[in-house]
């Protein structure tokens, strides 16, 4: 029997101004956590003075939230999500309120 082929994925993380991508090669049975560990070994703890939230950030694949224990497959884009600075719904309500005040 032949050995299972390794899979290739990309780990992505973005700041407000820049996106970082780390291609990783993983064993066939690797999880999202293994992909993050491989990317972390390549990238380190920070880039350009920005701490990468390897352990604390929510994760997903192609925009869909996932657990770190979930498996990944060949070609997946594994994303580290940064926390929102403000709730977008609250920000929108405040914007509408300001516009209403100006219209009066």
PDB file of N, CA and C in Angstrom:
ATOM      1  N   UNK A   1       0.831  -1.191   0.000  1.00  0.00           N
ATOM      2  CA  UNK A   1       0.000   0.000   0.000  1.00  0.00           C
ATOM      3  C   UNK A   1       0.871   1.248   0.000  1.00  0.00           C
ATOM      4  N   UNK A   2       0.403   2.262  -0.663  1.00  0.00           N
ATOM      5  CA  UNK A   2       1.195   3.485  -0.727  1.00  0.00           C
ATOM      6  C   UNK A   2       0.861   4.412   0.446  1.00  0.00           C
ATOM      7  N   UNK A   3       1.799   5.250   0.738  1.00  0.00           N
ATOM      8  CA  UNK A   3       1.618   6.243   1.802  1.00  0.00           C
ATOM      9  C   UNK A   3       0.553   7.259   1.392  1.00  0.00           C
ATOM     10  N   UNK A   4      -0.256   7.746   2.339  1.00  0.00           N
ATOM     11  CA  UNK A   4      -1.215   8.801   1.994  1.00  0.00           C
ATOM     12  C   UNK A   4      -0.452  10.057   1.559  1.00  0.00           C
ATOM     13  N   UNK A   5      -0.958  10.712   0.563  1.00  0.00           N
ATOM     14  CA  UNK A   5      -0.317  11.917   0.047  1.00  0.00           C
ATOM     15  C   UNK A   5      -0.516  13.089   1.007  1.00  0.00           C
ATOM     16  N   UNK A   6       0.502  13.915   1.179  1.00  0.00           N
ATOM     17  CA  UNK A   6       0.322  15.101   2.023  1.00  0.00           C
ATOM     18  C   UNK A   6      -0.664  16.067   1.361  1.00  0.00           C
ATOM     19  N   UNK A   7      -1.269  16.908   2.167  1.00  0.00           N
ATOM     20  CA  UNK A   7      -2.187  17.906   1.615  1.00  0.00           C
ATOM     21  C   UNK A   7      -1.565  19.285   1.776  1.00  0.00           C
ATOM     22  N   UNK A   8      -1.976  20.184   0.908  1.00  0.00           N
ATOM     23  CA  UNK A   8      -1.452  21.542   0.903  1.00  0.00           C
ATOM     24  C   UNK A   8      -2.600  22.504   1.188  1.00  0.00           C
ATOM     25  N   UNK A   9      -2.393  23.342   2.178  1.00  0.00           N
ATOM     26  CA  UNK A   9      -3.389  24.344   2.562  1.00  0.00           C
ATOM     27  C   UNK A   9      -2.685  25.685   2.710  1.00  0.00           C
ATOM     28  N   UNK A  10      -3.455  26.719   2.899  1.00  0.00           N
ATOM     29  CA  UNK A  10      -2.925  28.054   3.146  1.00  0.00           C
ATOM     30  C   UNK A  10      -3.554  28.576   4.428  1.00  0.00           C
ATOM     31  N   UNK A  11      -2.729  29.119   5.315  1.00  0.00           N
ATOM     32  CA  UNK A  11      -3.222  29.773   6.524  1.00  0.00           C
ATOM     33  C   UNK A  11      -3.176  31.269   6.257  1.00  0.00           C
ATOM     34  N   UNK A  12      -4.280  31.953   6.536  1.00  0.00           N
ATOM     35  CA  UNK A  12      -4.397  33.384   6.245  1.00  0.00           C
ATOM     36  C   UNK A  12      -4.730  34.168   7.512  1.00  0.00           C
ATOM     37  N   UNK A  13      -4.134  35.341   7.613  1.00  0.00           N
ATOM     38  CA  UNK A  13      -4.435  36.280   8.698  1.00  0.00           C
ATOM     39  C   UNK A  13      -4.274  37.681   8.127  1.00  0.00           C
ATOM     40  N   UNK A  14      -5.110  38.607   8.531  1.00  0.00           N
ATOM     41  CA  UNK A  14      -5.050  39.956   7.986  1.00  0.00           C
ATOM     42  C   UNK A  14      -5.134  40.998   9.088  1.00  0.00           C
ATOM     43  N   UNK A  15      -4.398  42.078   8.879  1.00  0.00           N
ATOM     44  CA  UNK A  15      -4.559  43.269   9.700  1.00  0.00           C
ATOM     45  C   UNK A  15      -5.494  44.189   8.923  1.00  0.00           C
ATOM     46  N   UNK A  16      -5.693  45.389   9.408  1.00  0.00           N
ATOM     47  CA  UNK A  16      -6.548  46.323   8.669  1.00  0.00           C
ATOM     48  C   UNK A  16      -5.932  46.713   7.334  1.00  0.00           C
ATOM     49  N   UNK A  17      -4.617  46.613   7.208  1.00  0.00           N
ATOM     50  CA  UNK A  17      -3.958  47.115   6.003  1.00  0.00           C
ATOM     51  C   UNK A  17      -3.251  46.051   5.169  1.00  0.00           C
ATOM     52  N   UNK A  18      -3.090  44.841   5.704  1.00  0.00           N
ATOM     53  CA  UNK A  18      -2.307  43.850   4.973  1.00  0.00           C
ATOM     54  C   UNK A  18      -2.785  42.435   5.275  1.00  0.00           C
ATOM     55  N   UNK A  19      -2.657  41.570   4.271  1.00  0.00           N
ATOM     56  CA  UNK A  19      -3.003  40.167   4.427  1.00  0.00           C
ATOM     57  C   UNK A  19      -1.722  39.328   4.395  1.00  0.00           C
ATOM     58  N   UNK A  20      -1.658  38.322   5.255  1.00  0.00           N
ATOM     59  CA  UNK A  20      -0.520  37.423   5.311  1.00  0.00           C
ATOM     60  C   UNK A  20      -1.001  36.019   4.980  1.00  0.00           C
ATOM     61  N   UNK A  21      -0.259  35.322   4.139  1.00  0.00           N
ATOM     62  CA  UNK A  21      -0.592  33.960   3.735  1.00  0.00           C
ATOM     63  C   UNK A  21       0.617  33.067   3.960  1.00  0.00           C
ATOM     64  N   UNK A  22       0.384  31.921   4.599  1.00  0.00           N
ATOM     65  CA  UNK A  22       1.442  30.943   4.832  1.00  0.00           C
ATOM     66  C   UNK A  22       1.023  29.610   4.241  1.00  0.00           C
ATOM     67  N   UNK A  23       1.637  29.191   3.135  1.00  0.00           N
ATOM     68  CA  UNK A  23       1.340  27.861   2.594  1.00  0.00           C
ATOM     69  C   UNK A  23       1.948  26.792   3.499  1.00  0.00           C
ATOM     70  N   UNK A  24       1.201  25.735   3.746  1.00  0.00           N
ATOM     71  CA  UNK A  24       1.679  24.655   4.607  1.00  0.00           C
ATOM     72  C   UNK A  24       1.420  23.307   3.941  1.00  0.00           C
ATOM     73  N   UNK A  25       2.318  22.376   4.204  1.00  0.00           N
ATOM     74  CA  UNK A  25       2.144  20.995   3.748  1.00  0.00           C
ATOM     75  C   UNK A  25       1.878  20.156   4.983  1.00  0.00           C
ATOM     76  N   UNK A  26       0.826  19.362   4.950  1.00  0.00           N
ATOM     77  CA  UNK A  26       0.358  18.644   6.135  1.00  0.00           C
ATOM     78  C   UNK A  26       0.147  17.168   5.842  1.00  0.00           C
ATOM     79  N   UNK A  27       0.209  16.332   6.877  1.00  0.00           N
ATOM     80  CA  UNK A  27      -0.168  14.923   6.699  1.00  0.00           C
ATOM     81  C   UNK A  27      -1.640  14.824   6.297  1.00  0.00           C
ATOM     82  N   UNK A  28      -2.001  13.748   5.678  1.00  0.00           N
ATOM     83  CA  UNK A  28      -3.360  13.563   5.160  1.00  0.00           C
ATOM     84  C   UNK A  28      -4.431  13.687   6.238  1.00  0.00           C
ATOM     85  N   UNK A  29      -4.113  13.312   7.489  1.00  0.00           N
ATOM     86  CA  UNK A  29      -5.121  13.331   8.554  1.00  0.00           C
ATOM     87  C   UNK A  29      -5.037  14.572   9.444  1.00  0.00           C
ATOM     88  N   UNK A  30      -4.361  15.610   8.997  1.00  0.00           N
ATOM     89  CA  UNK A  30      -4.131  16.808   9.820  1.00  0.00           C
ATOM     90  C   UNK A  30      -5.408  17.608  10.069  1.00  0.00           C
ATOM     91  N   UNK A  31      -5.430  18.263  11.224  1.00  0.00           N
ATOM     92  CA  UNK A  31      -6.551  19.122  11.614  1.00  0.00           C
ATOM     93  C   UNK A  31      -6.179  20.586  11.373  1.00  0.00           C
ATOM     94  N   UNK A  32      -7.143  21.449  11.615  1.00  0.00           N
ATOM     95  CA  UNK A  32      -6.889  22.889  11.529  1.00  0.00           C
ATOM     96  C   UNK A  32      -5.798  23.280  12.523  1.00  0.00           C
ATOM     97  N   UNK A  33      -5.821  22.699  13.715  1.00  0.00           N
ATOM     98  CA  UNK A  33      -4.804  23.001  14.721  1.00  0.00           C
ATOM     99  C   UNK A  33      -3.404  22.667  14.205  1.00  0.00           C
ATOM    100  N   UNK A  34      -3.262  21.561  13.487  1.00  0.00           N
ATOM    101  CA  UNK A  34      -1.961  21.180  12.925  1.00  0.00           C
ATOM    102  C   UNK A  34      -1.525  22.175  11.857  1.00  0.00           C
ATOM    103  N   UNK A  35      -2.466  22.658  11.056  1.00  0.00           N
ATOM    104  CA  UNK A  35      -2.144  23.659  10.034  1.00  0.00           C
ATOM    105  C   UNK A  35      -1.680  24.953  10.686  1.00  0.00           C
ATOM    106  N   UNK A  36      -2.357  25.358  11.766  1.00  0.00           N
ATOM    107  CA  UNK A  36      -1.954  26.577  12.475  1.00  0.00           C
ATOM    108  C   UNK A  36      -0.570  26.413  13.084  1.00  0.00           C
ATOM    109  N   UNK A  37      -0.284  25.236  13.634  1.00  0.00           N
ATOM    110  CA  UNK A  37       1.034  24.983  14.225  1.00  0.00           C
ATOM    111  C   UNK A  37       2.127  25.048  13.158  1.00  0.00           C
ATOM    112  N   UNK A  38       1.849  24.508  11.980  1.00  0.00           N
ATOM    113  CA  UNK A  38       2.829  24.554  10.896  1.00  0.00           C
ATOM    114  C   UNK A  38       3.067  25.984  10.427  1.00  0.00           C
ATOM    115  N   UNK A  39       2.005  26.760  10.305  1.00  0.00           N
ATOM    116  CA  UNK A  39       2.149  28.157   9.891  1.00  0.00           C
ATOM    117  C   UNK A  39       2.881  28.962  10.963  1.00  0.00           C
ATOM    118  N   UNK A  40       2.574  28.687  12.214  1.00  0.00           N
ATOM    119  CA  UNK A  40       3.225  29.383  13.331  1.00  0.00           C
ATOM    120  C   UNK A  40       4.726  29.099  13.345  1.00  0.00           C
ATOM    121  N   UNK A  41       5.110  27.850  13.072  1.00  0.00           N
ATOM    122  CA  UNK A  41       6.529  27.483  13.025  1.00  0.00           C
ATOM    123  C   UNK A  41       7.243  28.257  11.921  1.00  0.00           C
ATOM    124  N   UNK A  42       6.543  28.532  10.833  1.00  0.00           N
ATOM    125  CA  UNK A  42       7.133  29.267   9.705  1.00  0.00           C
ATOM    126  C   UNK A  42       7.149  30.773   9.958  1.00  0.00           C
ATOM    127  N   UNK A  43       6.054  31.308  10.492  1.00  0.00           N
ATOM    128  CA  UNK A  43       5.891  32.760  10.608  1.00  0.00           C
ATOM    129  C   UNK A  43       6.413  33.343  11.908  1.00  0.00           C
ATOM    130  N   UNK A  44       6.384  32.577  12.986  1.00  0.00           N
ATOM    131  CA  UNK A  44       6.752  33.123  14.289  1.00  0.00           C
ATOM    132  C   UNK A  44       5.540  33.680  15.004  1.00  0.00           C
ATOM    133  N   UNK A  45       5.811  34.423  16.060  1.00  0.00           N
ATOM    134  CA  UNK A  45       4.733  34.956  16.902  1.00  0.00           C
ATOM    135  C   UNK A  45       4.177  36.288  16.409  1.00  0.00           C
ATOM    136  N   UNK A  46       4.958  36.999  15.606  1.00  0.00           N
ATOM    137  CA  UNK A  46       4.498  38.303  15.131  1.00  0.00           C
ATOM    138  C   UNK A  46       5.107  38.600  13.766  1.00  0.00           C
ATOM    139  N   UNK A  47       4.460  39.511  13.042  1.00  0.00           N
ATOM    140  CA  UNK A  47       4.977  40.004  11.767  1.00  0.00           C
ATOM    141  C   UNK A  47       4.858  41.517  11.772  1.00  0.00           C
ATOM    142  N   UNK A  48       5.924  42.173  11.392  1.00  0.00           N
ATOM    143  CA  UNK A  48       5.946  43.641  11.325  1.00  0.00           C
ATOM    144  C   UNK A  48       5.386  44.282  12.596  1.00  0.00           C
ATOM    145  N   UNK A  49       5.762  43.739  13.739  1.00  0.00           N
ATOM    146  CA  UNK A  49       5.340  44.297  15.015  1.00  0.00           C
ATOM    147  C   UNK A  49       3.926  43.938  15.441  1.00  0.00           C
ATOM    148  N   UNK A  50       3.205  43.195  14.636  1.00  0.00           N
ATOM    149  CA  UNK A  50       1.829  42.797  14.961  1.00  0.00           C
ATOM    150  C   UNK A  50       1.839  41.388  15.548  1.00  0.00           C
ATOM    151  N   UNK A  51       1.284  41.239  16.739  1.00  0.00           N
ATOM    152  CA  UNK A  51       1.151  39.906  17.348  1.00  0.00           C
ATOM    153  C   UNK A  51       0.100  39.108  16.577  1.00  0.00           C
ATOM    154  N   UNK A  52       0.414  37.896  16.217  1.00  0.00           N
ATOM    155  CA  UNK A  52      -0.540  37.027  15.529  1.00  0.00           C
ATOM    156  C   UNK A  52      -1.277  36.227  16.603  1.00  0.00           C
ATOM    157  N   UNK A  53      -2.596  36.275  16.623  1.00  0.00           N
ATOM    158  CA  UNK A  53      -3.372  35.593  17.677  1.00  0.00           C
ATOM    159  C   UNK A  53      -3.546  34.093  17.414  1.00  0.00           C
ATOM    160  N   UNK A  54      -2.438  33.365  17.343  1.00  0.00           N
ATOM    161  CA  UNK A  54      -2.480  31.944  17.006  1.00  0.00           C
ATOM    162  C   UNK A  54      -3.414  31.149  17.914  1.00  0.00           C
ATOM    163  N   UNK A  55      -3.395  31.447  19.220  1.00  0.00           N
ATOM    164  CA  UNK A  55      -4.162  30.635  20.171  1.00  0.00           C
ATOM    165  C   UNK A  55      -5.536  31.198  20.499  1.00  0.00           C
ATOM    166  N   UNK A  56      -5.738  32.481  20.273  1.00  0.00           N
ATOM    167  CA  UNK A  56      -6.973  33.110  20.742  1.00  0.00           C
ATOM    168  C   UNK A  56      -7.983  33.449  19.643  1.00  0.00           C
ATOM    169  N   UNK A  57      -7.544  33.551  18.413  1.00  0.00           N
ATOM    170  CA  UNK A  57      -8.442  33.977  17.336  1.00  0.00           C
ATOM    171  C   UNK A  57      -9.427  32.872  16.959  1.00  0.00           C
ATOM    172  N   UNK A  58     -10.606  33.302  16.562  1.00  0.00           N
ATOM    173  CA  UNK A  58     -11.566  32.359  15.964  1.00  0.00           C
ATOM    174  C   UNK A  58     -10.992  31.918  14.619  1.00  0.00           C
ATOM    175  N   UNK A  59     -11.350  30.718  14.192  1.00  0.00           N
ATOM    176  CA  UNK A  59     -10.829  30.195  12.928  1.00  0.00           C
ATOM    177  C   UNK A  59     -11.967  29.742  12.037  1.00  0.00           C
ATOM    178  N   UNK A  60     -11.655  29.657  10.744  1.00  0.00           N
ATOM    179  CA  UNK A  60     -12.629  29.177   9.786  1.00  0.00           C
ATOM    180  C   UNK A  60     -11.947  28.734   8.516  1.00  0.00           C
ATOM    181  N   UNK A  61     -12.729  28.161   7.626  1.00  0.00           N
ATOM    182  CA  UNK A  61     -12.242  27.758   6.313  1.00  0.00           C
ATOM    183  C   UNK A  61     -13.123  28.434   5.275  1.00  0.00           C
ATOM    184  N   UNK A  62     -12.502  29.231   4.426  1.00  0.00           N
ATOM    185  CA  UNK A  62     -13.216  29.971   3.388  1.00  0.00           C
ATOM    186  C   UNK A  62     -14.421  30.726   3.955  1.00  0.00           C
ATOM    187  N   UNK A  63     -14.247  31.381   5.107  1.00  0.00           N
ATOM    188  CA  UNK A  63     -15.290  32.210   5.691  1.00  0.00           C
ATOM    189  C   UNK A  63     -16.307  31.488   6.551  1.00  0.00           C
ATOM    190  N   UNK A  64     -16.224  30.183   6.646  1.00  0.00           N
ATOM    191  CA  UNK A  64     -17.164  29.413   7.467  1.00  0.00           C
ATOM    192  C   UNK A  64     -16.489  29.044   8.790  1.00  0.00           C
ATOM    193  N   UNK A  65     -17.059  29.446   9.917  1.00  0.00           N
ATOM    194  CA  UNK A  65     -16.443  29.141  11.217  1.00  0.00           C
ATOM    195  C   UNK A  65     -16.244  27.637  11.425  1.00  0.00           C
ATOM    196  N   UNK A  66     -15.098  27.292  12.015  1.00  0.00           N
ATOM    197  CA  UNK A  66     -14.762  25.900  12.305  1.00  0.00           C
ATOM    198  C   UNK A  66     -14.081  25.800  13.663  1.00  0.00           C
ATOM    199  N   UNK A  67     -14.017  24.576  14.187  1.00  0.00           N
ATOM    200  CA  UNK A  67     -13.260  24.314  15.413  1.00  0.00           C
ATOM    201  C   UNK A  67     -11.841  23.929  15.017  1.00  0.00           C
ATOM    202  N   UNK A  68     -10.915  24.165  15.915  1.00  0.00           N
ATOM    203  CA  UNK A  68      -9.515  23.820  15.639  1.00  0.00           C
ATOM    204  C   UNK A  68      -9.318  22.317  15.483  1.00  0.00           C
ATOM    205  N   UNK A  69     -10.196  21.531  16.053  1.00  0.00           N
ATOM    206  CA  UNK A  69     -10.086  20.076  15.957  1.00  0.00           C
ATOM    207  C   UNK A  69     -10.651  19.525  14.645  1.00  0.00           C
ATOM    208  N   UNK A  70     -11.330  20.365  13.864  1.00  0.00           N
ATOM    209  CA  UNK A  70     -11.904  19.912  12.591  1.00  0.00           C
ATOM    210  C   UNK A  70     -10.796  19.602  11.590  1.00  0.00           C
ATOM    211  N   UNK A  71     -11.032  18.635  10.715  1.00  0.00           N
ATOM    212  CA  UNK A  71     -10.029  18.331   9.689  1.00  0.00           C
ATOM    213  C   UNK A  71     -10.045  19.391   8.589  1.00  0.00           C
ATOM    214  N   UNK A  72      -8.939  19.484   7.896  1.00  0.00           N
ATOM    215  CA  UNK A  72      -8.887  20.336   6.714  1.00  0.00           C
ATOM    216  C   UNK A  72      -8.572  19.430   5.524  1.00  0.00           C
ATOM    217  N   UNK A  73      -8.880  19.898   4.339  1.00  0.00           N
ATOM    218  CA  UNK A  73      -8.647  19.098   3.136  1.00  0.00           C
ATOM    219  C   UNK A  73      -7.740  19.863   2.175  1.00  0.00           C
ATOM    220  N   UNK A  74      -7.259  19.167   1.182  1.00  0.00           N
ATOM    221  CA  UNK A  74      -6.379  19.752   0.172  1.00  0.00           C
ATOM    222  C   UNK A  74      -6.974  21.043  -0.377  1.00  0.00           C
ATOM    223  N   UNK A  75      -6.156  22.097  -0.379  1.00  0.00           N
ATOM    224  CA  UNK A  75      -6.568  23.368  -0.962  1.00  0.00           C
ATOM    225  C   UNK A  75      -7.328  24.306  -0.044  1.00  0.00           C
ATOM    226  N   UNK A  76      -7.602  23.916   1.194  1.00  0.00           N
ATOM    227  CA  UNK A  76      -8.344  24.789   2.111  1.00  0.00           C
ATOM    228  C   UNK A  76      -7.573  26.062   2.428  1.00  0.00           C
ATOM    229  N   UNK A  77      -8.323  27.132   2.602  1.00  0.00           N
ATOM    230  CA  UNK A  77      -7.781  28.397   3.090  1.00  0.00           C
ATOM    231  C   UNK A  77      -8.254  28.510   4.541  1.00  0.00           C
ATOM    232  N   UNK A  78      -7.347  28.323   5.462  1.00  0.00           N
ATOM    233  CA  UNK A  78      -7.658  28.349   6.885  1.00  0.00           C
ATOM    234  C   UNK A  78      -7.413  29.766   7.376  1.00  0.00           C
ATOM    235  N   UNK A  79      -8.438  30.383   7.917  1.00  0.00           N
ATOM    236  CA  UNK A  79      -8.372  31.806   8.265  1.00  0.00           C
ATOM    237  C   UNK A  79      -8.397  32.020   9.772  1.00  0.00           C
ATOM    238  N   UNK A  80      -7.536  32.923  10.215  1.00  0.00           N
ATOM    239  CA  UNK A  80      -7.553  33.411  11.601  1.00  0.00           C
ATOM    240  C   UNK A  80      -8.335  34.719  11.569  1.00  0.00           C
ATOM    241  N   UNK A  81      -9.407  34.803  12.338  1.00  0.00           N
ATOM    242  CA  UNK A  81     -10.243  36.001  12.314  1.00  0.00           C
ATOM    243  C   UNK A  81      -9.853  36.956  13.436  1.00  0.00           C
ATOM    244  N   UNK A  82      -9.755  38.223  13.110  1.00  0.00           N
ATOM    245  CA  UNK A  82      -9.472  39.209  14.150  1.00  0.00           C
ATOM    246  C   UNK A  82     -10.800  39.700  14.729  1.00  0.00           C
ATOM    247  N   UNK A  83     -10.738  40.104  15.965  1.00  0.00           N
ATOM    248  CA  UNK A  83     -11.943  40.595  16.636  1.00  0.00           C
ATOM    249  C   UNK A  83     -12.390  41.917  16.014  1.00  0.00           C
ATOM    250  N   UNK A  84     -13.678  42.127  15.986  1.00  0.00           N
ATOM    251  CA  UNK A  84     -14.201  43.402  15.495  1.00  0.00           C
ATOM    252  C   UNK A  84     -13.914  44.488  16.520  1.00  0.00           C
ATOM    253  N   UNK A  85     -13.532  45.656  16.035  1.00  0.00           N
ATOM    254  CA  UNK A  85     -13.296  46.769  16.954  1.00  0.00           C
ATOM    255  C   UNK A  85     -14.605  47.260  17.557  1.00  0.00           C
ATOM    256  N   UNK A  86     -15.650  47.271  16.736  1.00  0.00           N
ATOM    257  CA  UNK A  86     -16.981  47.680  17.194  1.00  0.00           C
ATOM    258  C   UNK A  86     -18.014  46.815  16.502  1.00  0.00           C
ATOM    259  N   UNK A  87     -19.117  46.614  17.168  1.00  0.00           N
ATOM    260  CA  UNK A  87     -20.213  45.848  16.592  1.00  0.00           C
ATOM    261  C   UNK A  87     -20.738  46.600  15.362  1.00  0.00           C
ATOM    262  N   UNK A  88     -20.739  46.004  14.178  1.00  0.00           N
ATOM    263  CA  UNK A  88     -21.187  46.714  12.977  1.00  0.00           C
ATOM    264  C   UNK A  88     -22.646  47.159  13.042  1.00  0.00           C
ATOM    265  N   UNK A  89     -23.494  46.409  13.746  1.00  0.00           N
ATOM    266  CA  UNK A  89     -24.902  46.820  13.867  1.00  0.00           C
ATOM    267  C   UNK A  89     -25.018  48.081  14.701  1.00  0.00           C
ATOM    268  N   UNK A  90     -24.256  48.139  15.796  1.00  0.00           N
ATOM    269  CA  UNK A  90     -24.270  49.325  16.639  1.00  0.00           C
ATOM    270  C   UNK A  90     -23.712  50.524  15.876  1.00  0.00           C
ATOM    271  N   UNK A  91     -22.629  50.311  15.153  1.00  0.00           N
ATOM    272  CA  UNK A  91     -22.032  51.398  14.370  1.00  0.00           C
ATOM    273  C   UNK A  91     -23.029  51.920  13.341  1.00  0.00           C
ATOM    274  N   UNK A  92     -23.770  51.043  12.688  1.00  0.00           N
ATOM    275  CA  UNK A  92     -24.767  51.453  11.697  1.00  0.00           C
ATOM    276  C   UNK A  92     -25.911  52.224  12.354  1.00  0.00           C
ATOM    277  N   UNK A  93     -26.382  51.765  13.518  1.00  0.00           N
ATOM    278  CA  UNK A  93     -27.449  52.491  14.225  1.00  0.00           C
ATOM    279  C   UNK A  93     -27.005  53.908  14.572  1.00  0.00           C
ATOM    280  N   UNK A  94     -25.771  54.043  15.047  1.00  0.00           N
ATOM    281  CA  UNK A  94     -25.247  55.364  15.392  1.00  0.00           C
ATOM    282  C   UNK A  94     -25.153  56.257  14.164  1.00  0.00           C
ATOM    283  N   UNK A  95     -24.746  55.688  13.047  1.00  0.00           N
ATOM    284  CA  UNK A  95     -24.652  56.458  11.808  1.00  0.00           C
ATOM    285  C   UNK A  95     -26.028  56.940  11.367  1.00  0.00           C
ATOM    286  N   UNK A  96     -27.029  56.077  11.428  1.00  0.00           N
ATOM    287  CA  UNK A  96     -28.396  56.457  11.046  1.00  0.00           C
ATOM    288  C   UNK A  96     -28.903  57.556  11.974  1.00  0.00           C
ATOM    289  N   UNK A  97     -28.651  57.430  13.256  1.00  0.00           N
ATOM    290  CA  UNK A  97     -29.085  58.452  14.219  1.00  0.00           C
ATOM    291  C   UNK A  97     -28.446  59.799  13.909  1.00  0.00           C
ATOM    292  N   UNK A  98     -27.147  59.810  13.594  1.00  0.00           N
ATOM    293  CA  UNK A  98     -26.472  61.076  13.243  1.00  0.00           C
ATOM    294  C   UNK A  98     -27.092  61.688  11.990  1.00  0.00           C
ATOM    295  N   UNK A  99     -27.397  60.868  10.984  1.00  0.00           N
ATOM    296  CA  UNK A  99     -27.987  61.363   9.761  1.00  0.00           C
ATOM    297  C   UNK A  99     -29.385  61.914   9.991  1.00  0.00           C
ATOM    298  N   UNK A 100     -30.134  61.283  10.883  1.00  0.00           N
ATOM    299  CA  UNK A 100     -31.476  61.776  11.207  1.00  0.00           C
ATOM    300  C   UNK A 100     -31.401  63.137  11.895  1.00  0.00           C
ATOM    301  N   UNK A 101     -30.446  63.290  12.802  1.00  0.00           N
ATOM    302  CA  UNK A 101     -30.271  64.582  13.496  1.00  0.00           C
ATOM    303  C   UNK A 101     -29.918  65.690  12.508  1.00  0.00           C
ATOM    304  N   UNK A 102     -29.043  65.378  11.548  1.00  0.00           N
ATOM    305  CA  UNK A 102     -28.657  66.393  10.559  1.00  0.00           C
ATOM    306  C   UNK A 102     -29.812  66.765   9.654  1.00  0.00           C
ATOM    307  N   UNK A 103     -30.704  65.842   9.383  1.00  0.00           N
ATOM    308  CA  UNK A 103     -31.836  66.094   8.495  1.00  0.00           C
ATOM    309  C   UNK A 103     -32.898  66.977   9.123  1.00  0.00           C
ATOM    310  N   UNK A 104     -32.903  67.092  10.428  1.00  0.00           N
ATOM    311  CA  UNK A 104     -33.943  67.891  11.122  1.00  0.00           C
ATOM    312  C   UNK A 104     -33.721  69.351  10.993  1.00  0.00           C
TER     313      UNK A 104
END
